[in-house]
Amino acid sequence: MKRYQFIGLCGSLRKHSAHEQILNTIAEELLPSDSSLTLYRLHNLPPYNEDHDGPSVPDAVLELRQAVLAASGIVIGCPEYNHGMSGVLKNALDWLSRPHGKSVLTAKPVLTFTASPAFTGGVRAQQQLNETLWAVSAELTRYPQIVIGSVHSKLSNGRLVDESTRNYLRLGVKALSEMM
C-alpha cells in the first residue's frame, strides 16, 4: 500500500494559533490511515529577497523547498489579517514559487482552509491565497472552499471539536488524497 506524506503550512506564527490547532487535529485525527501530515513551521524564513535566491539561498528556504518537493501534497491553514492572507504565508509562497519556472509548487496538490473569529471565516484571505496558488500553478483540491467562522467556539484543549467542521475537513483531506 502506498503511503502519502503531507506537509502542513500554518500562516500564523502565534503560539496556540487556531490554524496550528486545526492542522494538528488533521494530522492526528482526520487523515486517512494511509497518510501522515507533518507541520512545517515558517518561523525562520527570512523575507523574500531575489538577491538571496539562487546559489546563496538561505538554509531555511532550502529546507522548506525540499520538504515541499518530497511531500505528496500540502495542507495550508491561513489566517485573515486586514482582509488578506498573512504576510508570513505570502512570504513562504514567494520563496516556494522561485526560481521562476522551477517552483516546487508546480502541480503540487494543495488543500487550503481559512479560519477566523469572525462569522466570515477568512473568506477574503481564502480568495487571495487561491489566486496566489493558481498563479504558481499549484494543483488546488477540487473541493468547496473551507472557511471556518467563529473558530474559537469550535476549538477546545488544542483541538478542533466542532463535529460538522471536522467532517467537512475530513472530506476535504479525502479529496486531496484522491488526487494522488
N, C-alpha and C. Protein backbone atom coordinates (compact mmCIF):
# COMPACT_ATOMS: atom_id res chain seq x y z
N MET A 1 0.84 -1.18 0.00
CA MET A 1 0.00 0.00 0.00
C MET A 1 0.89 1.25 0.00
N LYS A 2 0.57 2.18 -0.89
CA LYS A 2 1.32 3.43 -0.95
C LYS A 2 0.94 4.31 0.24
N ARG A 3 1.93 4.98 0.78
CA ARG A 3 1.72 5.87 1.93
C ARG A 3 1.91 7.30 1.46
N TYR A 4 1.01 8.19 1.88
CA TYR A 4 1.08 9.59 1.49
C TYR A 4 1.58 10.43 2.65
N GLN A 5 2.54 11.28 2.35
CA GLN A 5 3.12 12.18 3.35
C GLN A 5 2.77 13.61 2.96
N PHE A 6 1.95 14.25 3.79
CA PHE A 6 1.56 15.63 3.55
C PHE A 6 2.36 16.55 4.46
N ILE A 7 2.52 17.77 4.01
CA ILE A 7 3.15 18.80 4.83
C ILE A 7 2.08 19.84 5.14
N GLY A 8 2.07 20.32 6.37
CA GLY A 8 1.13 21.34 6.79
C GLY A 8 1.86 22.66 6.96
N LEU A 9 1.34 23.71 6.36
CA LEU A 9 1.90 25.06 6.49
C LEU A 9 0.88 25.92 7.23
N CYS A 10 1.33 26.54 8.31
CA CYS A 10 0.47 27.40 9.12
C CYS A 10 0.86 28.85 8.87
N GLY A 11 -0.08 29.65 8.43
CA GLY A 11 0.18 31.05 8.14
C GLY A 11 0.21 31.96 9.35
N SER A 12 0.15 31.39 10.54
CA SER A 12 0.22 32.17 11.77
C SER A 12 1.45 31.75 12.56
N LEU A 13 2.14 32.72 13.13
CA LEU A 13 3.30 32.43 13.97
C LEU A 13 2.94 32.38 15.45
N ARG A 14 1.70 32.70 15.78
CA ARG A 14 1.27 32.75 17.18
C ARG A 14 1.35 31.39 17.85
N LYS A 15 1.76 31.42 19.09
CA LYS A 15 1.71 30.22 19.92
C LYS A 15 0.23 29.89 20.12
N HIS A 16 -0.13 28.64 19.96
CA HIS A 16 -1.51 28.17 20.13
C HIS A 16 -2.47 28.79 19.12
N SER A 17 -1.99 29.06 17.91
CA SER A 17 -2.88 29.65 16.91
C SER A 17 -3.99 28.66 16.54
N ALA A 18 -5.13 29.18 16.18
CA ALA A 18 -6.26 28.34 15.77
C ALA A 18 -5.86 27.48 14.57
N HIS A 19 -5.10 28.03 13.66
CA HIS A 19 -4.71 27.29 12.46
C HIS A 19 -3.78 26.13 12.78
N GLU A 20 -2.86 26.35 13.71
CA GLU A 20 -1.98 25.26 14.12
C GLU A 20 -2.78 24.18 14.85
N GLN A 21 -3.75 24.58 15.67
CA GLN A 21 -4.58 23.60 16.35
C GLN A 21 -5.38 22.76 15.35
N ILE A 22 -5.88 23.41 14.31
CA ILE A 22 -6.64 22.68 13.29
C ILE A 22 -5.71 21.76 12.50
N LEU A 23 -4.53 22.23 12.13
CA LEU A 23 -3.58 21.37 11.43
C LEU A 23 -3.19 20.17 12.30
N ASN A 24 -2.99 20.38 13.57
CA ASN A 24 -2.68 19.26 14.48
C ASN A 24 -3.84 18.28 14.57
N THR A 25 -5.07 18.79 14.57
CA THR A 25 -6.25 17.92 14.58
C THR A 25 -6.29 17.08 13.31
N ILE A 26 -6.03 17.72 12.18
CA ILE A 26 -5.98 16.98 10.91
C ILE A 26 -4.93 15.89 11.00
N ALA A 27 -3.73 16.26 11.44
CA ALA A 27 -2.60 15.32 11.49
C ALA A 27 -2.89 14.12 12.38
N GLU A 28 -3.55 14.35 13.49
CA GLU A 28 -3.71 13.29 14.49
C GLU A 28 -5.06 12.58 14.46
N GLU A 29 -6.06 13.19 13.78
CA GLU A 29 -7.39 12.60 13.89
C GLU A 29 -8.19 12.50 12.59
N LEU A 30 -7.83 13.25 11.56
CA LEU A 30 -8.72 13.32 10.39
C LEU A 30 -8.14 12.76 9.10
N LEU A 31 -6.93 12.28 9.12
CA LEU A 31 -6.31 11.76 7.90
C LEU A 31 -6.73 10.33 7.63
N PRO A 32 -6.75 9.95 6.35
CA PRO A 32 -6.93 8.53 6.03
C PRO A 32 -5.78 7.72 6.63
N SER A 33 -5.99 6.44 6.86
CA SER A 33 -4.99 5.61 7.52
C SER A 33 -3.69 5.46 6.73
N ASP A 34 -3.72 5.72 5.42
CA ASP A 34 -2.51 5.60 4.60
C ASP A 34 -1.74 6.91 4.49
N SER A 35 -2.04 7.87 5.35
CA SER A 35 -1.46 9.20 5.23
C SER A 35 -0.92 9.71 6.56
N SER A 36 0.02 10.64 6.46
CA SER A 36 0.50 11.36 7.63
C SER A 36 0.72 12.82 7.22
N LEU A 37 0.70 13.69 8.21
CA LEU A 37 0.91 15.12 7.97
C LEU A 37 1.91 15.62 9.00
N THR A 38 2.93 16.32 8.50
CA THR A 38 3.94 16.93 9.35
C THR A 38 3.81 18.44 9.24
N LEU A 39 3.69 19.10 10.38
CA LEU A 39 3.61 20.55 10.40
C LEU A 39 4.99 21.13 10.18
N TYR A 40 5.12 22.01 9.19
CA TYR A 40 6.39 22.68 8.91
C TYR A 40 6.25 24.13 9.37
N ARG A 41 7.07 24.54 10.29
CA ARG A 41 6.99 25.89 10.85
C ARG A 41 7.70 26.90 9.94
N LEU A 42 7.12 28.07 9.82
CA LEU A 42 7.63 29.12 8.94
C LEU A 42 8.38 30.21 9.72
N HIS A 43 8.65 29.98 10.98
CA HIS A 43 9.24 30.98 11.87
C HIS A 43 10.62 31.48 11.42
N ASN A 44 11.41 30.65 10.77
CA ASN A 44 12.79 31.02 10.45
C ASN A 44 13.00 31.51 9.02
N LEU A 45 11.93 31.65 8.26
CA LEU A 45 12.09 32.12 6.87
C LEU A 45 12.37 33.62 6.85
N PRO A 46 13.43 34.02 6.16
CA PRO A 46 13.67 35.46 6.02
C PRO A 46 12.71 36.05 4.99
N PRO A 47 12.54 37.36 4.99
CA PRO A 47 11.72 37.98 3.95
C PRO A 47 12.29 37.65 2.57
N TYR A 48 11.39 37.45 1.60
CA TYR A 48 11.85 37.11 0.25
C TYR A 48 12.71 38.24 -0.31
N ASN A 49 13.85 37.86 -0.85
CA ASN A 49 14.77 38.80 -1.49
C ASN A 49 15.42 38.05 -2.64
N GLU A 50 15.11 38.45 -3.85
CA GLU A 50 15.63 37.76 -5.03
C GLU A 50 17.16 37.77 -5.07
N ASP A 51 17.79 38.76 -4.44
CA ASP A 51 19.25 38.80 -4.39
C ASP A 51 19.81 37.62 -3.61
N HIS A 52 19.00 37.03 -2.71
CA HIS A 52 19.46 35.92 -1.89
C HIS A 52 18.96 34.57 -2.41
N ASP A 53 18.35 34.59 -3.58
CA ASP A 53 17.89 33.34 -4.18
C ASP A 53 18.99 32.84 -5.12
N GLY A 54 18.93 31.58 -5.49
CA GLY A 54 19.99 31.02 -6.33
C GLY A 54 21.05 30.36 -5.48
N PRO A 55 22.32 30.57 -5.80
CA PRO A 55 23.39 29.88 -5.07
C PRO A 55 23.48 30.24 -3.58
N SER A 56 23.00 31.44 -3.22
CA SER A 56 23.12 31.86 -1.82
C SER A 56 21.80 31.79 -1.06
N VAL A 57 20.90 30.92 -1.49
CA VAL A 57 19.59 30.82 -0.84
C VAL A 57 19.77 30.40 0.63
N PRO A 58 19.03 31.04 1.54
CA PRO A 58 19.15 30.70 2.96
C PRO A 58 18.79 29.24 3.24
N ASP A 59 19.43 28.65 4.23
CA ASP A 59 19.20 27.25 4.59
C ASP A 59 17.74 26.97 4.91
N ALA A 60 17.08 27.88 5.62
CA ALA A 60 15.67 27.67 5.97
C ALA A 60 14.80 27.54 4.73
N VAL A 61 15.14 28.28 3.69
CA VAL A 61 14.38 28.21 2.43
C VAL A 61 14.66 26.89 1.72
N LEU A 62 15.92 26.48 1.68
CA LEU A 62 16.26 25.19 1.07
C LEU A 62 15.52 24.05 1.77
N GLU A 63 15.49 24.07 3.09
CA GLU A 63 14.80 23.03 3.86
C GLU A 63 13.31 23.00 3.53
N LEU A 64 12.68 24.18 3.47
CA LEU A 64 11.26 24.26 3.14
C LEU A 64 11.01 23.74 1.73
N ARG A 65 11.81 24.17 0.77
CA ARG A 65 11.63 23.71 -0.61
C ARG A 65 11.78 22.19 -0.70
N GLN A 66 12.76 21.64 -0.02
CA GLN A 66 12.98 20.18 -0.05
C GLN A 66 11.80 19.45 0.60
N ALA A 67 11.28 19.99 1.69
CA ALA A 67 10.14 19.37 2.37
C ALA A 67 8.91 19.36 1.47
N VAL A 68 8.66 20.47 0.78
CA VAL A 68 7.51 20.55 -0.13
C VAL A 68 7.72 19.62 -1.32
N LEU A 69 8.90 19.60 -1.86
CA LEU A 69 9.19 18.73 -3.00
C LEU A 69 8.97 17.26 -2.65
N ALA A 70 9.38 16.86 -1.45
CA ALA A 70 9.26 15.46 -1.03
C ALA A 70 7.82 15.09 -0.64
N ALA A 71 6.99 16.06 -0.32
CA ALA A 71 5.64 15.79 0.16
C ALA A 71 4.72 15.36 -0.98
N SER A 72 3.75 14.52 -0.65
CA SER A 72 2.72 14.13 -1.62
C SER A 72 1.78 15.30 -1.90
N GLY A 73 1.58 16.15 -0.91
CA GLY A 73 0.69 17.29 -1.05
C GLY A 73 0.84 18.20 0.16
N ILE A 74 0.12 19.32 0.12
CA ILE A 74 0.24 20.35 1.15
C ILE A 74 -1.15 20.69 1.68
N VAL A 75 -1.23 20.90 2.99
CA VAL A 75 -2.43 21.44 3.62
C VAL A 75 -2.02 22.79 4.22
N ILE A 76 -2.69 23.85 3.80
CA ILE A 76 -2.35 25.20 4.24
C ILE A 76 -3.47 25.78 5.08
N GLY A 77 -3.11 26.23 6.28
CA GLY A 77 -4.03 26.94 7.16
C GLY A 77 -3.67 28.42 7.14
N CYS A 78 -4.61 29.26 6.72
CA CYS A 78 -4.32 30.67 6.50
C CYS A 78 -5.25 31.57 7.32
N PRO A 79 -4.67 32.39 8.20
CA PRO A 79 -5.50 33.38 8.89
C PRO A 79 -5.81 34.55 7.96
N GLU A 80 -6.79 35.34 8.35
CA GLU A 80 -7.11 36.55 7.60
C GLU A 80 -6.68 37.75 8.43
N TYR A 81 -5.75 38.53 7.89
CA TYR A 81 -5.28 39.75 8.53
C TYR A 81 -5.65 40.93 7.63
N ASN A 82 -6.45 41.84 8.13
CA ASN A 82 -6.83 43.05 7.38
C ASN A 82 -7.36 42.71 5.99
N HIS A 83 -8.24 41.74 5.93
CA HIS A 83 -8.92 41.31 4.71
C HIS A 83 -8.01 40.59 3.72
N GLY A 84 -6.89 40.06 4.18
CA GLY A 84 -5.98 39.35 3.26
C GLY A 84 -5.25 38.24 3.98
N MET A 85 -4.45 37.50 3.21
CA MET A 85 -3.65 36.42 3.81
C MET A 85 -2.52 37.01 4.62
N SER A 86 -2.00 36.23 5.51
CA SER A 86 -0.92 36.71 6.38
C SER A 86 0.36 36.92 5.58
N GLY A 87 1.15 37.88 6.01
CA GLY A 87 2.43 38.16 5.35
C GLY A 87 3.38 36.99 5.42
N VAL A 88 3.37 36.27 6.55
CA VAL A 88 4.29 35.15 6.70
C VAL A 88 3.98 34.04 5.69
N LEU A 89 2.70 33.80 5.41
CA LEU A 89 2.35 32.78 4.43
C LEU A 89 2.67 33.25 3.01
N LYS A 90 2.36 34.51 2.71
CA LYS A 90 2.68 35.04 1.38
C LYS A 90 4.18 34.98 1.15
N ASN A 91 4.96 35.30 2.16
CA ASN A 91 6.42 35.23 2.06
C ASN A 91 6.88 33.80 1.75
N ALA A 92 6.31 32.82 2.46
CA ALA A 92 6.68 31.42 2.22
C ALA A 92 6.32 31.01 0.79
N LEU A 93 5.14 31.41 0.33
CA LEU A 93 4.74 31.07 -1.05
C LEU A 93 5.64 31.76 -2.08
N ASP A 94 6.08 32.97 -1.78
CA ASP A 94 7.01 33.65 -2.68
C ASP A 94 8.32 32.87 -2.79
N TRP A 95 8.87 32.43 -1.64
CA TRP A 95 10.09 31.62 -1.68
C TRP A 95 9.87 30.32 -2.43
N LEU A 96 8.72 29.68 -2.19
CA LEU A 96 8.45 28.39 -2.83
C LEU A 96 8.19 28.51 -4.32
N SER A 97 7.79 29.68 -4.77
CA SER A 97 7.47 29.86 -6.20
C SER A 97 8.71 30.12 -7.05
N ARG A 98 9.84 30.25 -6.43
CA ARG A 98 11.08 30.56 -7.14
C ARG A 98 12.04 29.39 -7.11
N PRO A 99 13.01 29.34 -8.00
CA PRO A 99 13.21 30.25 -9.11
C PRO A 99 12.12 30.09 -10.16
N HIS A 100 11.89 31.16 -10.89
CA HIS A 100 10.83 31.19 -11.90
C HIS A 100 10.96 30.00 -12.84
N GLY A 101 9.85 29.30 -13.03
CA GLY A 101 9.84 28.15 -13.92
C GLY A 101 10.28 26.85 -13.25
N LYS A 102 10.75 26.93 -12.01
CA LYS A 102 11.23 25.73 -11.31
C LYS A 102 10.62 25.63 -9.91
N SER A 103 9.42 26.14 -9.75
CA SER A 103 8.76 26.15 -8.45
C SER A 103 8.44 24.74 -7.98
N VAL A 104 8.69 24.46 -6.71
CA VAL A 104 8.32 23.17 -6.13
C VAL A 104 6.80 23.07 -5.95
N LEU A 105 6.09 24.16 -6.15
CA LEU A 105 4.64 24.15 -6.04
C LEU A 105 3.95 23.74 -7.35
N THR A 106 4.66 23.76 -8.45
CA THR A 106 4.06 23.43 -9.74
C THR A 106 3.47 22.03 -9.70
N ALA A 107 2.17 21.94 -9.96
CA ALA A 107 1.40 20.70 -9.99
C ALA A 107 1.35 19.99 -8.64
N LYS A 108 1.75 20.64 -7.56
CA LYS A 108 1.69 20.05 -6.22
C LYS A 108 0.25 20.14 -5.71
N PRO A 109 -0.37 19.02 -5.31
CA PRO A 109 -1.72 19.06 -4.76
C PRO A 109 -1.76 19.85 -3.44
N VAL A 110 -2.74 20.76 -3.34
CA VAL A 110 -2.86 21.63 -2.17
C VAL A 110 -4.31 21.72 -1.72
N LEU A 111 -4.51 21.59 -0.42
CA LEU A 111 -5.80 21.84 0.21
C LEU A 111 -5.62 23.04 1.12
N THR A 112 -6.53 24.00 1.06
CA THR A 112 -6.42 25.20 1.88
C THR A 112 -7.64 25.33 2.79
N PHE A 113 -7.41 25.98 3.92
CA PHE A 113 -8.53 26.38 4.76
C PHE A 113 -8.17 27.70 5.42
N THR A 114 -9.20 28.48 5.71
CA THR A 114 -9.04 29.70 6.50
C THR A 114 -9.96 29.60 7.70
N ALA A 115 -9.61 30.32 8.74
CA ALA A 115 -10.42 30.34 9.95
C ALA A 115 -10.30 31.72 10.58
N SER A 116 -11.37 32.14 11.20
CA SER A 116 -11.39 33.48 11.79
C SER A 116 -12.40 33.52 12.93
N PRO A 117 -12.16 34.40 13.91
CA PRO A 117 -13.18 34.62 14.94
C PRO A 117 -14.46 35.23 14.34
N ALA A 118 -14.33 35.89 13.19
CA ALA A 118 -15.49 36.49 12.54
C ALA A 118 -16.35 35.41 11.89
N PHE A 119 -17.60 35.72 11.65
CA PHE A 119 -18.50 34.73 11.03
C PHE A 119 -18.12 34.43 9.59
N THR A 120 -17.35 35.33 8.95
CA THR A 120 -16.96 35.13 7.55
C THR A 120 -15.87 34.09 7.38
N GLY A 121 -15.18 33.73 8.44
CA GLY A 121 -14.23 32.63 8.40
C GLY A 121 -12.98 32.85 7.58
N GLY A 122 -12.68 34.09 7.22
CA GLY A 122 -11.46 34.35 6.46
C GLY A 122 -11.63 34.20 4.96
N VAL A 123 -12.85 34.39 4.48
CA VAL A 123 -13.14 34.17 3.06
C VAL A 123 -12.31 35.07 2.14
N ARG A 124 -12.00 36.28 2.58
CA ARG A 124 -11.20 37.19 1.73
C ARG A 124 -9.76 36.69 1.63
N ALA A 125 -9.21 36.18 2.71
CA ALA A 125 -7.86 35.60 2.68
C ALA A 125 -7.85 34.35 1.81
N GLN A 126 -8.93 33.56 1.89
CA GLN A 126 -9.05 32.35 1.07
C GLN A 126 -8.94 32.70 -0.42
N GLN A 127 -9.60 33.77 -0.82
CA GLN A 127 -9.55 34.18 -2.23
C GLN A 127 -8.14 34.60 -2.63
N GLN A 128 -7.47 35.39 -1.81
CA GLN A 128 -6.10 35.80 -2.12
C GLN A 128 -5.16 34.60 -2.17
N LEU A 129 -5.32 33.70 -1.22
CA LEU A 129 -4.48 32.51 -1.19
C LEU A 129 -4.67 31.68 -2.45
N ASN A 130 -5.92 31.46 -2.84
CA ASN A 130 -6.19 30.68 -4.05
C ASN A 130 -5.62 31.36 -5.30
N GLU A 131 -5.75 32.68 -5.39
CA GLU A 131 -5.18 33.40 -6.54
C GLU A 131 -3.68 33.21 -6.62
N THR A 132 -3.00 33.29 -5.48
CA THR A 132 -1.55 33.09 -5.46
C THR A 132 -1.20 31.67 -5.88
N LEU A 133 -1.91 30.69 -5.36
CA LEU A 133 -1.63 29.29 -5.72
C LEU A 133 -1.91 29.02 -7.20
N TRP A 134 -2.97 29.61 -7.75
CA TRP A 134 -3.22 29.46 -9.18
C TRP A 134 -2.07 30.07 -9.99
N ALA A 135 -1.59 31.23 -9.55
CA ALA A 135 -0.52 31.93 -10.28
C ALA A 135 0.76 31.12 -10.34
N VAL A 136 1.01 30.28 -9.33
CA VAL A 136 2.25 29.50 -9.31
C VAL A 136 2.01 28.06 -9.77
N SER A 137 0.83 27.81 -10.35
CA SER A 137 0.48 26.52 -10.96
C SER A 137 0.42 25.35 -9.97
N ALA A 138 0.08 25.64 -8.71
CA ALA A 138 -0.20 24.56 -7.77
C ALA A 138 -1.52 23.92 -8.19
N GLU A 139 -1.74 22.68 -7.78
CA GLU A 139 -2.95 21.95 -8.13
C GLU A 139 -3.91 22.01 -6.94
N LEU A 140 -4.87 22.94 -7.01
CA LEU A 140 -5.83 23.10 -5.92
C LEU A 140 -6.80 21.93 -5.87
N THR A 141 -7.08 21.46 -4.67
CA THR A 141 -8.02 20.37 -4.48
C THR A 141 -9.39 20.79 -4.99
N ARG A 142 -10.02 19.90 -5.73
CA ARG A 142 -11.35 20.18 -6.22
C ARG A 142 -12.36 19.88 -5.10
N TYR A 143 -12.58 20.89 -4.29
CA TYR A 143 -13.44 20.79 -3.12
C TYR A 143 -13.87 22.21 -2.77
N PRO A 144 -15.09 22.39 -2.29
CA PRO A 144 -15.52 23.75 -1.93
C PRO A 144 -14.56 24.39 -0.92
N GLN A 145 -14.50 25.71 -0.94
CA GLN A 145 -13.63 26.42 -0.02
C GLN A 145 -13.96 26.04 1.43
N ILE A 146 -12.90 25.87 2.20
CA ILE A 146 -13.07 25.56 3.63
C ILE A 146 -12.79 26.84 4.40
N VAL A 147 -13.86 27.48 4.85
CA VAL A 147 -13.76 28.69 5.66
C VAL A 147 -14.46 28.41 6.99
N ILE A 148 -13.75 28.63 8.07
CA ILE A 148 -14.26 28.27 9.39
C ILE A 148 -14.51 29.54 10.19
N GLY A 149 -15.76 29.93 10.27
CA GLY A 149 -16.14 31.12 11.03
C GLY A 149 -16.31 30.80 12.51
N SER A 150 -16.25 31.83 13.32
CA SER A 150 -16.38 31.68 14.79
C SER A 150 -15.48 30.58 15.31
N VAL A 151 -14.24 30.58 14.83
CA VAL A 151 -13.34 29.45 15.07
C VAL A 151 -13.10 29.16 16.55
N HIS A 152 -13.03 30.18 17.38
CA HIS A 152 -12.70 29.94 18.79
C HIS A 152 -13.77 29.14 19.51
N SER A 153 -15.01 29.21 19.03
CA SER A 153 -16.07 28.41 19.63
C SER A 153 -16.01 26.95 19.18
N LYS A 154 -15.14 26.65 18.22
CA LYS A 154 -15.04 25.29 17.67
C LYS A 154 -13.78 24.57 18.11
N LEU A 155 -13.01 25.20 18.99
CA LEU A 155 -11.77 24.63 19.50
C LEU A 155 -11.89 24.38 20.99
N SER A 156 -11.23 23.32 21.45
CA SER A 156 -11.16 23.04 22.88
C SER A 156 -9.92 22.20 23.15
N ASN A 157 -9.16 22.59 24.15
CA ASN A 157 -7.95 21.85 24.55
C ASN A 157 -7.01 21.58 23.37
N GLY A 158 -6.85 22.59 22.53
CA GLY A 158 -5.89 22.48 21.42
C GLY A 158 -6.37 21.66 20.24
N ARG A 159 -7.65 21.37 20.16
CA ARG A 159 -8.20 20.55 19.09
C ARG A 159 -9.47 21.18 18.51
N LEU A 160 -9.70 20.89 17.24
CA LEU A 160 -10.97 21.24 16.61
C LEU A 160 -11.99 20.21 17.07
N VAL A 161 -13.05 20.67 17.71
CA VAL A 161 -14.03 19.75 18.28
C VAL A 161 -15.40 19.83 17.63
N ASP A 162 -15.65 20.86 16.84
CA ASP A 162 -16.95 21.01 16.18
C ASP A 162 -17.10 19.89 15.14
N GLU A 163 -18.07 19.03 15.36
CA GLU A 163 -18.18 17.82 14.54
C GLU A 163 -18.49 18.10 13.08
N SER A 164 -19.34 19.06 12.77
CA SER A 164 -19.64 19.33 11.37
C SER A 164 -18.41 19.90 10.64
N THR A 165 -17.64 20.73 11.32
CA THR A 165 -16.41 21.26 10.72
C THR A 165 -15.38 20.15 10.55
N ARG A 166 -15.26 19.28 11.52
CA ARG A 166 -14.34 18.14 11.42
C ARG A 166 -14.70 17.26 10.22
N ASN A 167 -15.98 16.98 10.04
CA ASN A 167 -16.41 16.15 8.91
C ASN A 167 -16.13 16.83 7.59
N TYR A 168 -16.38 18.13 7.52
CA TYR A 168 -16.12 18.88 6.29
C TYR A 168 -14.62 18.86 5.96
N LEU A 169 -13.78 19.05 6.96
CA LEU A 169 -12.33 18.97 6.77
C LEU A 169 -11.90 17.56 6.37
N ARG A 170 -12.46 16.56 7.02
CA ARG A 170 -12.13 15.16 6.70
C ARG A 170 -12.42 14.88 5.22
N LEU A 171 -13.54 15.36 4.72
CA LEU A 171 -13.88 15.16 3.31
C LEU A 171 -12.93 15.94 2.39
N GLY A 172 -12.48 17.11 2.84
CA GLY A 172 -11.51 17.88 2.07
C GLY A 172 -10.18 17.14 1.97
N VAL A 173 -9.75 16.58 3.08
CA VAL A 173 -8.49 15.82 3.10
C VAL A 173 -8.63 14.57 2.22
N LYS A 174 -9.80 13.95 2.26
CA LYS A 174 -10.05 12.80 1.39
C LYS A 174 -9.95 13.19 -0.07
N ALA A 175 -10.51 14.35 -0.43
CA ALA A 175 -10.42 14.83 -1.82
C ALA A 175 -8.97 15.10 -2.20
N LEU A 176 -8.19 15.63 -1.27
CA LEU A 176 -6.75 15.84 -1.53
C LEU A 176 -6.07 14.50 -1.77
N SER A 177 -6.35 13.52 -0.93
CA SER A 177 -5.74 12.19 -1.06
C SER A 177 -6.09 11.53 -2.39
N GLU A 178 -7.29 11.78 -2.86
CA GLU A 178 -7.74 11.17 -4.12
C GLU A 178 -7.06 11.78 -5.34
N MET A 179 -6.35 12.88 -5.15
CA MET A 179 -5.59 13.50 -6.25
C MET A 179 -4.28 12.78 -6.52
N MET A 180 -3.87 11.91 -5.61
CA MET A 180 -2.58 11.24 -5.74
C MET A 180 -2.64 10.16 -6.81
